[in-house]
Amino acid sequence: MRKETAARIKRWIPPCLLAAAITAASSCSQVAGPDIVNFDKVAHFAVFGLLGTLVYRAGRANANDQSQPDQAHGRDARATRHGGQSGQSWHGRLAHVWEILDAKGRWSMWPAWLAVLIVSAFGVTDEWHQSFVPGRSCDVFDWLADTTGAALAVTLYVKWAWYRRLLEIRVGPQRQVEKPAETAPNPPA
């Protein structure tokens, strides 16, 4: 596996793990939480907001890795470069969608809404899944909280740099990048 492919796949690990945790929690008949009326809506709002942000970040990172915009040729050059390849992987296709939607090279809201749409669709499947779990029910208001949480979190992430910086703070030990040793010029012979 190439290094770039591994890096692209690695970016999708956090949203996939969170989606798996949501699915696991949905499989339980009872989920622990405070005894506050409609607290589950707040939990849906927050968790799906985080999921929306993670999906947006993963998609944007893949699109940014895939190409640098061709100023002279614009969208058509990128579409030719990425779209016509028969062996292109799923993450390459997804990155291509993110890139086409943000073809002007700025923080467009189209990729953000695509992330919200993906998370909202996952929210629908989560609610549908809950309808088969004893003691759980399918609730349209949970889905509305899912979608609203994703929309607000992604919008904040896209539009407000301070929020983006807050979410990008590295936690834990950080790797030190060593500077290459400077070589002295060869003395004239």
Protein backbone atom coordinates (compact mmCIF):
# COMPACT_ATOMS: atom_id res chain seq x y z
CA MET A 1 0.00 0.00 0.00
CA ARG A 2 1.34 3.39 -0.92
CA LYS A 3 2.04 5.92 1.80
CA GLU A 4 -0.52 8.42 0.41
CA THR A 5 -3.24 5.76 0.30
CA ALA A 6 -2.50 4.72 3.88
CA ALA A 7 -2.68 8.37 5.01
CA ARG A 8 -6.05 8.85 3.27
CA ILE A 9 -7.49 5.72 4.84
CA LYS A 10 -6.09 6.73 8.25
CA ARG A 11 -8.09 9.99 8.13
CA TRP A 12 -11.32 8.01 7.88
CA ILE A 13 -10.58 5.91 10.97
CA PRO A 14 -11.95 8.43 13.55
CA PRO A 15 -15.34 8.96 11.83
CA CYS A 16 -15.69 5.22 11.21
CA LEU A 17 -14.89 4.41 14.84
CA LEU A 18 -17.42 6.96 16.07
CA ALA A 19 -20.05 5.57 13.67
CA ALA A 20 -19.30 2.07 14.99
CA ALA A 21 -19.68 3.31 18.59
CA ILE A 22 -23.02 4.93 17.68
CA THR A 23 -24.20 1.69 16.09
CA ALA A 24 -23.09 -0.31 19.14
CA ALA A 25 -24.94 2.06 21.48
CA SER A 26 -28.02 1.81 19.25
CA SER A 27 -27.95 -1.96 19.64
CA CYS A 28 -28.42 -1.73 23.42
CA SER A 29 -31.93 -1.83 24.85
CA GLN A 30 -31.01 0.78 27.47
CA VAL A 31 -28.30 3.44 27.24
CA ALA A 32 -27.03 5.03 30.43
CA GLY A 33 -27.70 8.73 30.81
CA PRO A 34 -29.04 11.29 33.26
CA ASP A 35 -32.73 11.30 34.06
CA ILE A 36 -33.38 14.61 32.33
CA VAL A 37 -36.26 15.05 29.91
CA ASN A 38 -35.07 14.96 26.28
CA PHE A 39 -31.42 14.57 27.28
CA ASP A 40 -31.09 12.02 24.49
CA LYS A 41 -31.72 14.83 21.98
CA VAL A 42 -28.77 16.79 23.41
CA ALA A 43 -26.61 13.66 23.18
CA HIS A 44 -27.70 13.07 19.57
CA PHE A 45 -26.97 16.72 18.73
CA ALA A 46 -23.45 16.61 20.23
CA VAL A 47 -22.35 13.18 18.99
CA PHE A 48 -23.61 13.66 15.46
CA GLY A 49 -22.09 17.15 15.43
CA LEU A 50 -18.73 15.58 16.18
CA LEU A 51 -19.34 12.94 13.51
CA GLY A 52 -20.18 15.63 10.95
CA THR A 53 -16.97 17.50 11.72
CA LEU A 54 -14.90 14.31 11.46
CA VAL A 55 -16.49 13.36 8.11
CA TYR A 56 -15.91 16.88 6.75
CA ARG A 57 -12.27 16.91 7.89
CA ALA A 58 -11.58 13.48 6.39
CA GLY A 59 -13.15 14.42 3.07
CA ARG A 60 -11.41 17.80 2.88
CA ALA A 61 -8.05 16.27 3.72
CA ASN A 62 -8.49 13.69 0.95
CA ALA A 63 -9.46 16.37 -1.56
CA ASN A 64 -6.49 18.52 -0.59
CA ASP A 65 -4.14 15.56 -1.00
CA GLN A 66 -5.55 14.60 -4.36
CA SER A 67 -4.64 17.71 -6.29
CA GLN A 68 -3.64 21.28 -6.40
CA PRO A 69 -6.06 23.26 -8.55
CA ASP A 70 -4.90 23.86 -12.10
CA GLN A 71 -5.40 27.58 -12.46
CA ALA A 72 -5.12 27.50 -16.23
CA HIS A 73 -7.53 24.64 -16.81
CA GLY A 74 -9.78 24.70 -13.75
CA ARG A 75 -12.29 21.99 -13.08
CA ASP A 76 -11.97 20.21 -16.47
CA ALA A 77 -8.30 19.39 -15.95
CA ARG A 78 -8.98 17.95 -12.52
CA ALA A 79 -11.93 15.93 -13.80
CA THR A 80 -9.79 14.48 -16.57
CA ARG A 81 -6.93 13.77 -14.20
CA HIS A 82 -9.10 12.01 -11.58
CA GLY A 83 -12.42 11.04 -13.11
CA GLY A 84 -11.39 8.99 -16.11
CA GLN A 85 -9.20 6.49 -14.30
CA SER A 86 -10.79 3.06 -14.31
CA GLY A 87 -8.72 1.74 -11.38
CA GLN A 88 -9.53 4.64 -9.08
CA SER A 89 -10.33 3.65 -5.50
CA TRP A 90 -13.44 4.67 -3.53
CA HIS A 91 -11.52 7.24 -1.48
CA GLY A 92 -10.14 8.74 -4.69
CA ARG A 93 -13.67 9.09 -6.05
CA LEU A 94 -14.88 10.66 -2.79
CA ALA A 95 -11.97 13.09 -2.82
CA HIS A 96 -12.85 13.92 -6.43
CA VAL A 97 -16.44 14.78 -5.39
CA TRP A 98 -15.14 17.04 -2.62
CA GLU A 99 -12.78 18.70 -5.12
CA ILE A 100 -15.39 19.28 -7.83
CA LEU A 101 -17.82 20.78 -5.34
CA ASP A 102 -15.07 23.11 -4.11
CA ALA A 103 -13.61 23.81 -7.57
CA LYS A 104 -12.98 27.51 -6.85
CA GLY A 105 -10.32 26.65 -4.26
CA ARG A 106 -12.00 28.37 -1.31
CA TRP A 107 -13.89 27.24 1.78
CA SER A 108 -17.10 26.52 -0.12
CA MET A 109 -20.11 25.28 1.80
CA TRP A 110 -20.86 22.51 -0.74
CA PRO A 111 -18.39 20.00 0.76
CA ALA A 112 -19.73 20.90 4.19
CA TRP A 113 -23.30 20.18 3.15
CA LEU A 114 -22.16 16.92 1.57
CA ALA A 115 -20.71 15.91 4.96
CA VAL A 116 -23.99 16.90 6.67
CA LEU A 117 -25.95 14.87 4.11
CA ILE A 118 -23.75 11.80 4.74
CA VAL A 119 -24.19 12.13 8.52
CA SER A 120 -27.92 12.76 8.19
CA ALA A 121 -28.29 9.62 6.07
CA PHE A 122 -26.35 7.69 8.72
CA GLY A 123 -28.75 9.14 11.32
CA VAL A 124 -31.71 7.76 9.35
CA THR A 125 -30.12 4.31 9.23
CA ASP A 126 -29.33 4.53 12.95
CA GLU A 127 -32.96 5.30 13.79
CA TRP A 128 -34.16 2.53 11.47
CA HIS A 129 -31.74 0.13 13.19
CA GLN A 130 -33.13 1.14 16.59
CA SER A 131 -36.64 0.17 15.46
CA PHE A 132 -35.51 -3.48 15.52
CA VAL A 133 -33.95 -3.31 19.02
CA PRO A 134 -36.25 -4.35 21.89
CA GLY A 135 -36.94 -1.40 24.18
CA ARG A 136 -35.87 1.18 21.55
CA SER A 137 -37.91 3.09 19.01
CA CYS A 138 -37.43 5.04 15.82
CA ASP A 139 -37.82 8.76 16.59
CA VAL A 140 -37.87 11.47 13.93
CA PHE A 141 -36.87 14.04 16.55
CA ASP A 142 -33.67 12.09 17.23
CA TRP A 143 -32.89 12.26 13.51
CA LEU A 144 -33.62 16.02 13.52
CA ALA A 145 -31.19 16.43 16.43
CA ASP A 146 -28.61 14.35 14.51
CA THR A 147 -28.90 16.48 11.38
CA THR A 148 -29.06 19.81 13.23
CA GLY A 149 -26.01 18.92 15.33
CA ALA A 150 -24.02 17.94 12.23
CA ALA A 151 -25.09 21.08 10.35
CA LEU A 152 -24.17 23.43 13.19
CA ALA A 153 -20.83 21.76 13.98
CA VAL A 154 -19.73 21.63 10.34
CA THR A 155 -20.81 25.23 9.73
CA LEU A 156 -18.86 26.40 12.78
CA TYR A 157 -15.82 24.40 11.65
CA VAL A 158 -15.93 25.85 8.13
CA LYS A 159 -16.76 29.47 8.95
CA TRP A 160 -14.94 30.22 12.22
CA ALA A 161 -11.18 29.86 12.28
CA TRP A 162 -11.00 29.99 16.09
CA TYR A 163 -13.27 26.94 16.35
CA ARG A 164 -11.22 25.12 13.71
CA ARG A 165 -7.99 25.89 15.61
CA LEU A 166 -9.59 24.72 18.85
CA LEU A 167 -10.44 21.37 17.29
CA GLU A 168 -7.01 21.02 15.70
CA ILE A 169 -5.07 21.28 18.98
CA ARG A 170 -2.80 18.25 19.25
CA VAL A 171 -3.22 16.20 22.40
CA GLY A 172 -0.50 13.98 23.81
CA PRO A 173 3.16 13.68 22.90
CA GLN A 174 4.18 15.25 19.65
CA ARG A 175 6.83 14.00 17.32
CA GLN A 176 9.83 16.21 16.88
CA VAL A 177 10.83 16.72 13.30
CA GLU A 178 14.57 16.77 12.93
CA LYS A 179 16.05 19.37 10.66
CA PRO A 180 18.42 18.02 8.06
CA ALA A 181 22.04 18.69 8.86
CA GLU A 182 23.44 21.58 6.93
CA THR A 183 26.37 20.69 4.80
CA ALA A 184 29.26 23.03 4.36
CA PRO A 185 30.08 24.00 0.79
CA ASN A 186 33.02 22.18 -0.69
CA PRO A 187 36.19 24.29 -0.52
CA PRO A 188 37.67 25.20 -3.89
CA ALA A 189 40.34 22.74 -4.96
